Amino acid sequence: MSAVTAIRAGDPIGAALAADPDGVLERIAESASVAMREVLDRLGAPQAVRIEGTLFQEVWAELAGWGPIMFIVHTRDGVFETKGSLPHGTLARGCFNVHGDSPIGGHLRADRCAAIYLVDRPFFKRRSCSVQFVSVDGDVMFKVFVARDAERNLDPKQLAAFETLRRVHAQVSG
């Protein structure tokens, strides 16, 4: 058993991670009545590397160069998935605005981003890599996943970019 899933008495997060190590983290957060930030923090390195939300624009700019990704918004009421490239964004009128030739667009409250997690963990027995933007409330604002090909393998160029981003920020954070 890893340090991540070490179970302490009365530890619903540790128990859930041990029982379902590649399951849906939002379900764990909901069942433990905690914010997603607490579950992501429990994963710890190397599964989750936390960086400051003040790096929102820098990280977004990096992701905008990856090509088509999977953009996910997961709420208690549904999971919304959109494939496309992240457009570059600009700050104006209190929002980070993204528009361009992509199905992904809108207005984000970047000032509410408290942390960004670079998550590399199994999900239903397959490696999954994502960049998760977490609000000041501890909830995930949205996630950007490394794309998969037709055989469901991770895109090698995006995976290399993700691993570089994680390695650089793990050194800065660690």
Foldseek 3Di string as FASTA:
>chain_A
DDQLLDDDVPDQLSVVCVVCVQEDLVVSCVVNVHFSLVSLVSNDPPQKFKDFLVCVLVVLVLQLPQWWWWKWDDDPVDIDIFTTHWARWDDDPQWTFTDDDGPDTDTHNSVQFGIWMFGWGHHPNHTWTWIFTAGVRRYTRMIITQDADPVRHGDVVVVVSSVVVSVVSNVVVD
